[in-house]
N, C-alpha and C. Protein backbone atom coordinates (compact mmCIF):
# COMPACT_ATOMS: atom_id res chain seq x y z
N MET A 1 73.67 -68.24 7.16
CA MET A 1 74.52 -68.16 6.12
C MET A 1 73.84 -68.11 4.99
N LYS A 2 73.22 -69.50 4.51
CA LYS A 2 72.43 -69.70 3.49
C LYS A 2 71.28 -68.11 3.03
N ARG A 3 70.85 -67.75 4.16
CA ARG A 3 69.82 -66.52 4.12
C ARG A 3 70.87 -65.49 3.58
N ALA A 4 71.64 -65.32 3.96
CA ALA A 4 72.76 -63.85 3.29
C ALA A 4 73.37 -64.17 2.18
N LEU A 5 73.26 -65.13 2.12
CA LEU A 5 73.80 -65.49 0.03
C LEU A 5 72.73 -65.70 -0.98
N GLY A 6 71.51 -66.26 -0.15
CA GLY A 6 70.12 -65.75 -0.51
C GLY A 6 69.66 -64.29 -1.06
N GLY A 7 70.07 -63.59 0.12
CA GLY A 7 69.40 -62.36 -0.20
C GLY A 7 70.50 -61.08 -0.82
N ALA A 8 71.71 -61.67 -0.95
CA ALA A 8 72.71 -61.09 -1.87
C ALA A 8 72.56 -61.66 -2.99
N ALA A 9 72.18 -62.60 -3.38
CA ALA A 9 71.80 -63.42 -4.76
C ALA A 9 70.38 -62.32 -5.39
N ILE A 10 69.75 -62.00 -4.42
CA ILE A 10 68.23 -61.15 -4.78
C ILE A 10 68.73 -60.11 -5.13
N ILE A 11 69.47 -58.87 -4.28
CA ILE A 11 70.30 -57.88 -4.32
C ILE A 11 70.92 -58.06 -5.48
N ALA A 12 71.44 -58.65 -5.91
CA ALA A 12 72.24 -58.55 -7.56
C ALA A 12 71.48 -58.96 -8.65
N LEU A 13 70.15 -59.42 -8.20
CA LEU A 13 69.49 -59.59 -9.83
C LEU A 13 68.92 -58.40 -9.65
N CYS A 14 68.23 -57.74 -8.49
CA CYS A 14 67.51 -56.76 -8.82
C CYS A 14 68.56 -55.82 -9.37
N ALA A 15 69.51 -55.55 -8.95
CA ALA A 15 70.56 -54.67 -9.34
C ALA A 15 70.62 -54.87 -11.47
N SER A 16 71.13 -56.05 -11.46
CA SER A 16 70.99 -56.08 -12.79
C SER A 16 70.26 -56.02 -13.93
N ILE A 17 68.52 -56.21 -12.80
CA ILE A 17 67.69 -55.90 -13.64
C ILE A 17 67.15 -54.60 -13.64
N GLY A 18 67.83 -53.70 -12.66
CA GLY A 18 67.69 -52.51 -12.72
C GLY A 18 69.08 -51.84 -13.83
N ALA A 19 69.62 -52.48 -13.97
CA ALA A 19 71.04 -51.69 -15.08
C ALA A 19 70.52 -52.28 -16.30
N ALA A 20 69.77 -52.98 -16.97
CA ALA A 20 69.41 -53.55 -18.00
C ALA A 20 68.23 -52.77 -18.33
N ASN A 21 67.63 -51.85 -17.66
CA ASN A 21 66.34 -50.88 -18.48
C ASN A 21 67.26 -49.78 -18.52
N GLU A 22 68.73 -49.51 -17.86
CA GLU A 22 69.07 -47.99 -18.38
C GLU A 22 69.27 -48.12 -19.85
N VAL A 23 68.99 -46.91 -20.42
CA VAL A 23 69.31 -46.12 -21.75
C VAL A 23 71.15 -45.93 -21.85
N ASP A 24 71.65 -46.59 -22.55
CA ASP A 24 72.81 -46.27 -22.59
C ASP A 24 73.01 -45.05 -23.46
N PRO A 25 74.20 -44.27 -23.17
CA PRO A 25 73.97 -42.50 -23.55
C PRO A 25 74.10 -42.26 -24.90
N SER A 26 74.67 -43.64 -25.74
CA SER A 26 74.40 -43.28 -27.07
C SER A 26 73.40 -43.18 -27.63
N ASP A 27 72.30 -44.16 -26.92
CA ASP A 27 71.26 -44.44 -26.88
C ASP A 27 70.24 -43.80 -26.82
N VAL A 28 70.33 -42.79 -26.28
CA VAL A 28 69.81 -41.72 -25.73
C VAL A 28 68.75 -40.71 -26.79
N MET A 29 67.33 -40.97 -27.00
CA MET A 29 66.45 -40.37 -28.05
C MET A 29 66.18 -38.95 -27.45
N PHE A 30 66.44 -37.71 -28.20
CA PHE A 30 66.17 -36.00 -28.29
C PHE A 30 65.02 -36.42 -29.19
N GLU A 31 64.04 -35.25 -29.04
CA GLU A 31 63.19 -35.04 -29.86
C GLU A 31 63.30 -33.63 -29.65
N GLU A 32 64.01 -32.54 -30.55
CA GLU A 32 63.88 -31.29 -30.60
C GLU A 32 64.45 -30.98 -28.99
N GLY A 33 65.57 -31.33 -28.50
CA GLY A 33 66.52 -31.26 -27.36
C GLY A 33 65.73 -31.96 -26.20
N VAL A 34 64.46 -32.31 -26.47
CA VAL A 34 63.65 -32.99 -24.98
C VAL A 34 64.16 -34.35 -25.20
N VAL A 35 63.89 -34.81 -24.15
CA VAL A 35 64.44 -36.43 -23.75
C VAL A 35 63.09 -36.58 -22.76
N ASN A 36 61.81 -37.48 -23.64
CA ASN A 36 60.56 -37.69 -22.98
C ASN A 36 60.70 -39.09 -22.24
N ALA A 37 61.60 -39.93 -22.32
CA ALA A 37 61.63 -41.18 -21.31
C ALA A 37 62.74 -41.21 -20.50
N SER A 38 62.31 -41.64 -19.48
CA SER A 38 63.22 -41.71 -18.52
C SER A 38 64.41 -43.00 -18.74
N LEU A 39 65.46 -42.42 -18.50
CA LEU A 39 66.81 -42.84 -18.60
C LEU A 39 66.92 -44.34 -17.90
N THR A 40 65.76 -45.01 -16.88
CA THR A 40 65.97 -45.81 -16.55
C THR A 40 64.82 -46.52 -16.06
N GLY A 41 63.98 -46.27 -16.75
CA GLY A 41 62.10 -46.71 -16.29
C GLY A 41 62.08 -46.69 -14.83
N GLN A 42 62.74 -45.91 -13.91
CA GLN A 42 61.88 -45.80 -12.80
C GLN A 42 62.27 -44.43 -12.09
N ALA A 43 61.17 -43.74 -11.41
CA ALA A 43 61.48 -42.61 -10.68
C ALA A 43 62.58 -42.38 -10.28
N GLY A 44 63.25 -40.65 -10.36
CA GLY A 44 64.33 -40.70 -9.56
C GLY A 44 63.91 -40.02 -8.26
N ASP A 45 65.20 -39.67 -7.39
CA ASP A 45 64.59 -39.54 -5.86
C ASP A 45 65.35 -38.28 -5.92
N ALA A 46 64.44 -37.41 -5.06
CA ALA A 46 64.82 -36.31 -5.42
C ALA A 46 66.08 -35.91 -4.37
N VAL A 47 65.96 -36.26 -2.96
CA VAL A 47 66.75 -36.55 -1.82
C VAL A 47 68.47 -36.86 -2.21
N SER A 48 68.19 -38.00 -2.98
CA SER A 48 69.69 -38.38 -3.79
C SER A 48 70.13 -37.44 -5.01
N GLY A 49 68.96 -37.02 -5.51
CA GLY A 49 69.01 -35.71 -6.78
C GLY A 49 70.08 -34.40 -5.67
N ARG A 50 69.32 -33.88 -4.76
CA ARG A 50 69.96 -32.90 -4.31
C ARG A 50 71.48 -33.23 -4.10
N LYS A 51 71.86 -34.28 -3.55
CA LYS A 51 73.21 -34.37 -2.82
C LYS A 51 74.12 -34.61 -4.23
N VAL A 52 73.89 -34.83 -5.33
CA VAL A 52 74.41 -34.79 -6.65
C VAL A 52 74.58 -33.47 -7.07
N PHE A 53 73.70 -32.96 -7.14
CA PHE A 53 73.33 -31.48 -7.43
C PHE A 53 74.71 -30.64 -6.60
N ALA A 54 74.63 -30.82 -5.46
CA ALA A 54 75.43 -30.21 -4.42
C ALA A 54 76.68 -30.60 -4.62
N ASN A 55 77.00 -32.05 -5.03
CA ASN A 55 78.28 -32.49 -4.61
C ASN A 55 79.48 -31.91 -5.66
N ARG A 56 80.51 -31.53 -5.32
CA ARG A 56 81.10 -30.65 -5.99
C ARG A 56 82.26 -31.73 -7.25
N LYS A 57 82.18 -33.13 -6.83
CA LYS A 57 83.01 -33.79 -7.68
C LYS A 57 81.85 -34.99 -8.65
N GLN A 58 80.27 -34.87 -8.45
CA GLN A 58 79.66 -35.00 -8.84
C GLN A 58 78.64 -34.39 -10.06
N GLY A 59 77.93 -33.87 -9.71
CA GLY A 59 77.26 -32.73 -10.60
C GLY A 59 77.92 -31.08 -10.59
N ASN A 60 78.32 -31.06 -9.95
CA ASN A 60 79.36 -30.04 -9.27
C ASN A 60 78.08 -28.19 -9.99
N CYS A 61 76.70 -28.82 -10.03
CA CYS A 61 76.16 -27.44 -10.35
C CYS A 61 76.30 -26.25 -9.64
N LEU A 62 76.31 -26.22 -8.94
CA LEU A 62 76.45 -24.97 -8.20
C LEU A 62 77.44 -24.24 -8.82
N ALA A 63 78.65 -24.93 -9.20
CA ALA A 63 79.67 -24.48 -10.11
C ALA A 63 79.17 -23.19 -10.71
N CYS A 64 78.58 -23.22 -11.32
CA CYS A 64 77.55 -22.33 -12.67
C CYS A 64 76.31 -21.70 -12.22
N HIS A 65 75.46 -22.46 -11.50
CA HIS A 65 73.84 -21.77 -10.90
C HIS A 65 74.10 -21.78 -9.53
N THR A 66 73.24 -20.36 -9.28
CA THR A 66 72.87 -20.74 -7.87
C THR A 66 71.22 -20.75 -7.72
N ASN A 67 71.00 -21.22 -6.12
CA ASN A 67 70.24 -22.16 -5.85
C ASN A 67 69.63 -21.96 -4.45
N ALA A 68 68.91 -21.17 -3.99
CA ALA A 68 69.10 -20.90 -2.79
C ALA A 68 67.93 -21.94 -1.94
N ASP A 69 67.84 -23.14 -2.68
CA ASP A 69 67.69 -24.07 -1.62
C ASP A 69 69.04 -25.29 -0.85
N ILE A 70 69.80 -24.47 -0.68
CA ILE A 70 71.72 -25.03 -0.70
C ILE A 70 72.19 -24.01 -0.48
N PRO A 71 71.71 -23.71 1.10
CA PRO A 71 72.56 -22.53 1.66
C PRO A 71 73.31 -22.75 2.54
N GLU A 72 73.70 -24.39 2.41
CA GLU A 72 74.52 -24.69 3.50
C GLU A 72 76.28 -24.78 2.66
N GLN A 73 76.16 -24.62 1.03
CA GLN A 73 77.24 -24.57 -0.04
C GLN A 73 77.18 -23.11 -0.42
N SER A 74 78.31 -22.59 0.18
CA SER A 74 79.00 -21.14 -0.45
C SER A 74 79.55 -21.42 -1.98
N PHE A 75 79.39 -20.07 -2.35
CA PHE A 75 79.87 -19.90 -3.48
C PHE A 75 79.17 -20.66 -4.65
N HIS A 76 78.11 -20.04 -4.70
CA HIS A 76 77.29 -20.55 -5.85
C HIS A 76 77.71 -19.56 -7.19
N GLY A 77 77.77 -20.39 -8.45
CA GLY A 77 77.94 -19.87 -9.29
C GLY A 77 77.13 -18.62 -10.34
N GLU A 78 77.42 -17.74 -11.22
CA GLU A 78 76.53 -17.01 -11.60
C GLU A 78 77.07 -17.18 -13.00
N VAL A 79 77.34 -18.09 -13.92
CA VAL A 79 77.46 -18.23 -15.58
C VAL A 79 76.09 -18.57 -15.76
N GLY A 80 75.57 -19.78 -15.26
CA GLY A 80 74.01 -19.90 -15.47
C GLY A 80 73.31 -19.45 -14.75
N PRO A 81 72.11 -19.42 -15.40
CA PRO A 81 70.67 -18.87 -14.35
C PRO A 81 70.28 -19.50 -13.67
N THR A 82 70.04 -19.06 -12.72
CA THR A 82 69.04 -19.14 -11.09
C THR A 82 68.72 -20.43 -11.23
N LEU A 83 68.63 -21.41 -10.65
CA LEU A 83 68.15 -22.78 -10.93
C LEU A 83 66.37 -22.73 -9.28
N ASP A 84 66.40 -21.44 -9.27
CA ASP A 84 64.97 -20.77 -8.21
C ASP A 84 63.61 -21.18 -9.13
N GLY A 85 62.88 -21.97 -8.99
CA GLY A 85 61.83 -21.75 -9.44
C GLY A 85 61.82 -22.75 -11.05
N VAL A 86 63.23 -23.24 -11.16
CA VAL A 86 63.00 -24.22 -12.33
C VAL A 86 62.28 -25.38 -12.82
N ALA A 87 61.17 -25.62 -12.07
CA ALA A 87 60.44 -26.17 -12.31
C ALA A 87 59.26 -25.94 -12.76
N ASP A 88 58.82 -24.42 -12.80
CA ASP A 88 58.31 -23.93 -13.19
C ASP A 88 58.11 -23.38 -14.53
N ARG A 89 59.73 -23.55 -14.90
CA ARG A 89 60.12 -22.89 -16.09
C ARG A 89 60.30 -23.80 -17.53
N TRP A 90 60.53 -25.18 -16.84
CA TRP A 90 61.06 -26.25 -18.12
C TRP A 90 60.37 -27.51 -17.16
N SER A 91 59.66 -28.20 -17.95
CA SER A 91 59.24 -29.69 -17.82
C SER A 91 60.07 -30.68 -17.29
N GLU A 92 59.48 -31.70 -16.89
CA GLU A 92 60.61 -32.65 -16.79
C GLU A 92 61.52 -33.31 -17.68
N ALA A 93 60.85 -32.97 -19.11
CA ALA A 93 61.25 -33.66 -20.13
C ALA A 93 62.47 -33.06 -20.84
N GLU A 94 62.12 -31.36 -21.00
CA GLU A 94 63.51 -30.47 -21.23
C GLU A 94 64.17 -30.76 -20.08
N LEU A 95 64.45 -30.68 -18.93
CA LEU A 95 64.96 -30.65 -18.14
C LEU A 95 66.15 -32.23 -18.04
N ARG A 96 65.61 -33.32 -18.41
CA ARG A 96 65.94 -34.39 -18.65
C ARG A 96 67.09 -34.11 -19.95
N GLY A 97 66.46 -33.55 -20.48
CA GLY A 97 67.66 -33.31 -22.28
C GLY A 97 68.44 -32.26 -21.97
N ILE A 98 68.19 -31.15 -20.91
CA ILE A 98 69.21 -30.23 -20.32
C ILE A 98 70.10 -30.74 -19.80
N VAL A 99 70.07 -31.32 -19.07
CA VAL A 99 71.15 -32.35 -17.73
C VAL A 99 71.69 -33.58 -18.57
N THR A 100 71.34 -34.12 -19.58
CA THR A 100 71.68 -35.07 -20.47
C THR A 100 72.96 -34.62 -20.97
N ASN A 101 72.14 -34.09 -22.05
CA ASN A 101 73.18 -33.01 -23.07
C ASN A 101 72.48 -31.95 -23.45
N ALA A 102 72.87 -30.78 -22.95
CA ALA A 102 72.35 -29.21 -23.15
C ALA A 102 72.71 -28.47 -24.57
N LYS A 103 73.88 -29.17 -24.72
CA LYS A 103 73.80 -28.82 -26.38
C LYS A 103 72.89 -28.95 -27.70
N MET A 104 72.33 -30.04 -27.16
CA MET A 104 71.11 -30.32 -27.86
C MET A 104 70.21 -29.78 -27.78
N ILE A 105 69.91 -28.53 -26.88
CA ILE A 105 68.90 -27.63 -27.08
C ILE A 105 69.50 -25.97 -26.86
N PHE A 106 70.66 -25.99 -26.57
CA PHE A 106 71.30 -24.91 -26.74
C PHE A 106 72.64 -24.58 -27.34
N GLU A 107 72.66 -24.29 -28.28
CA GLU A 107 73.93 -24.44 -28.83
C GLU A 107 74.75 -24.03 -28.78
N GLY A 108 76.36 -23.93 -28.38
CA GLY A 108 77.30 -23.24 -27.81
C GLY A 108 77.37 -23.30 -26.60
N THR A 109 76.68 -23.74 -25.61
CA THR A 109 76.43 -23.35 -24.49
C THR A 109 77.53 -23.93 -23.32
N ILE A 110 78.15 -23.57 -22.52
CA ILE A 110 79.56 -23.86 -22.07
C ILE A 110 78.76 -25.58 -20.80
N MET A 111 77.73 -25.31 -20.45
CA MET A 111 77.39 -26.13 -20.20
C MET A 111 77.75 -27.91 -20.02
N PRO A 112 78.07 -28.45 -19.44
CA PRO A 112 78.50 -29.96 -19.83
C PRO A 112 77.76 -30.86 -19.98
N ALA A 113 77.47 -31.60 -21.20
CA ALA A 113 76.96 -33.05 -21.30
C ALA A 113 76.63 -33.80 -19.68
N PHE A 114 76.19 -34.24 -19.14
CA PHE A 114 76.27 -35.47 -18.11
C PHE A 114 76.26 -36.82 -18.25
N TYR A 115 75.34 -36.84 -19.32
CA TYR A 115 74.92 -38.48 -19.64
C TYR A 115 75.28 -38.74 -21.41
N ILE A 116 76.69 -38.36 -21.51
CA ILE A 116 77.41 -38.65 -23.03
C ILE A 116 78.48 -39.90 -22.40
N ASN A 117 78.87 -40.86 -23.49
CA ASN A 117 79.98 -41.31 -22.95
C ASN A 117 81.05 -40.94 -24.26
N ALA A 118 80.71 -40.41 -25.17
CA ALA A 118 81.68 -39.83 -26.39
C ALA A 118 81.54 -38.36 -27.01
N GLY A 119 82.64 -38.00 -27.35
CA GLY A 119 82.26 -36.76 -28.32
C GLY A 119 82.67 -35.67 -27.33
N TYR A 120 83.26 -35.15 -25.76
CA TYR A 120 83.97 -35.01 -24.84
C TYR A 120 84.70 -34.13 -26.06
N GLU A 121 85.08 -32.73 -25.69
CA GLU A 121 85.86 -31.66 -26.36
C GLU A 121 87.40 -32.08 -25.70
N ARG A 122 87.30 -31.88 -24.23
CA ARG A 122 88.55 -32.36 -23.67
C ARG A 122 88.69 -33.20 -22.53
N PRO A 123 88.48 -33.93 -22.82
CA PRO A 123 88.04 -35.41 -21.76
C PRO A 123 89.15 -35.55 -20.77
N LEU A 124 88.85 -35.79 -19.46
CA LEU A 124 89.69 -35.84 -18.43
C LEU A 124 89.97 -37.61 -18.36
N GLY A 125 90.85 -38.15 -18.33
CA GLY A 125 91.16 -39.56 -18.69
C GLY A 125 90.26 -40.56 -18.18
N LYS A 126 89.98 -39.93 -17.08
CA LYS A 126 88.80 -40.99 -16.15
C LYS A 126 86.86 -41.08 -16.65
N PHE A 127 87.13 -39.90 -17.83
CA PHE A 127 85.84 -39.73 -18.22
C PHE A 127 85.90 -40.49 -19.63
N ASP A 128 87.38 -40.91 -20.07
CA ASP A 128 87.28 -41.60 -21.72
C ASP A 128 86.07 -42.55 -21.48
N GLY A 129 85.24 -42.51 -22.33
CA GLY A 129 84.23 -43.77 -22.48
C GLY A 129 83.28 -44.12 -21.53
N LYS A 130 83.07 -42.95 -20.53
CA LYS A 130 82.03 -42.82 -19.56
C LYS A 130 81.59 -41.34 -19.53
N SER A 131 79.92 -41.77 -18.86
CA SER A 131 79.24 -40.38 -18.90
C SER A 131 79.81 -40.05 -16.98
N ILE A 132 79.53 -38.24 -17.11
CA ILE A 132 79.63 -38.07 -15.60
C ILE A 132 78.92 -38.53 -14.78
N LEU A 133 77.71 -38.55 -15.05
CA LEU A 133 76.69 -39.02 -14.10
C LEU A 133 76.06 -40.32 -14.63
N SER A 134 75.49 -41.39 -13.72
CA SER A 134 75.32 -42.64 -14.25
C SER A 134 73.34 -42.07 -14.84
N ALA A 135 72.73 -42.92 -15.41
CA ALA A 135 71.64 -42.61 -15.64
C ALA A 135 70.75 -42.79 -14.47
N GLN A 136 70.64 -43.54 -13.37
CA GLN A 136 70.17 -42.97 -12.08
C GLN A 136 70.35 -41.74 -11.55
N GLN A 137 71.70 -41.78 -11.54
CA GLN A 137 71.85 -39.77 -11.00
C GLN A 137 71.43 -38.75 -11.87
N VAL A 138 71.16 -39.30 -13.15
CA VAL A 138 70.18 -38.14 -13.95
C VAL A 138 68.55 -38.24 -13.38
N GLU A 139 68.39 -39.30 -13.61
CA GLU A 139 67.04 -39.27 -13.05
C GLU A 139 66.94 -38.51 -11.61
N ASP A 140 67.45 -38.64 -10.75
CA ASP A 140 67.09 -38.29 -9.55
C ASP A 140 67.67 -36.61 -9.24
N VAL A 141 68.62 -36.56 -9.96
CA VAL A 141 68.99 -34.89 -10.53
C VAL A 141 67.28 -34.32 -10.99
N ILE A 142 67.01 -34.69 -12.23
CA ILE A 142 65.45 -34.03 -12.56
C ILE A 142 64.43 -34.12 -11.40
N ALA A 143 64.49 -35.25 -10.61
CA ALA A 143 63.32 -35.21 -9.38
C ALA A 143 63.58 -34.01 -8.58
N TYR A 144 65.07 -34.11 -8.05
CA TYR A 144 65.32 -32.78 -7.48
C TYR A 144 64.56 -31.36 -7.85
N LEU A 145 65.23 -30.91 -9.17
CA LEU A 145 65.00 -29.98 -9.85
C LEU A 145 63.42 -29.91 -10.00
N MET A 146 62.95 -30.77 -10.34
CA MET A 146 61.35 -30.75 -9.95
C MET A 146 60.42 -30.29 -8.91
N THR A 147 61.33 -30.28 -8.11
CA THR A 147 60.65 -29.95 -6.40
C THR A 147 61.17 -28.23 -6.64
N LEU A 148 62.18 -27.60 -7.37
CA LEU A 148 62.33 -26.26 -7.12
C LEU A 148 61.32 -25.39 -7.77
N GLU A 149 60.48 -25.13 -7.27
CA GLU A 149 59.28 -24.36 -8.13
C GLU A 149 59.14 -22.82 -7.17
N ASP A 150 58.73 -22.09 -7.88
CA ASP A 150 58.27 -20.56 -7.01
C ASP A 150 57.35 -20.94 -6.15
N GLU A 151 57.59 -19.91 -4.92
CA GLU A 151 56.66 -19.98 -3.90
C GLU A 151 55.59 -18.93 -3.72
């Protein structure tokens, strides 16, 4: 029992340390639309990022973008550009800026800002004061997007 409690305490401590390194959405530093620094201080996980990307209730990226890497999902959108080969067109820092808040790069874009907690045009109640994705989910999506290179 003591070991289980000790393990839980270590996990909780590690989680709080990880959360302490997260950049708050209102503190993200954009430099000409680019976000050079990680939002979490740790590498993103491409496998988790692919799941967020494809999840219709999280990133919902497929609502607007086509992506040949996810053939198991139907109804890819054609509003935004294809994301095939996106890692060859954009740097990691540029993609972080686009996913965090595309409006900082593309004035008038309809792409939602995935990591802001204020300033939404018409927020759903569940997003009031919250970001659509967590900082780690943004980093995971970026890690996934960086795998999408032209072959």
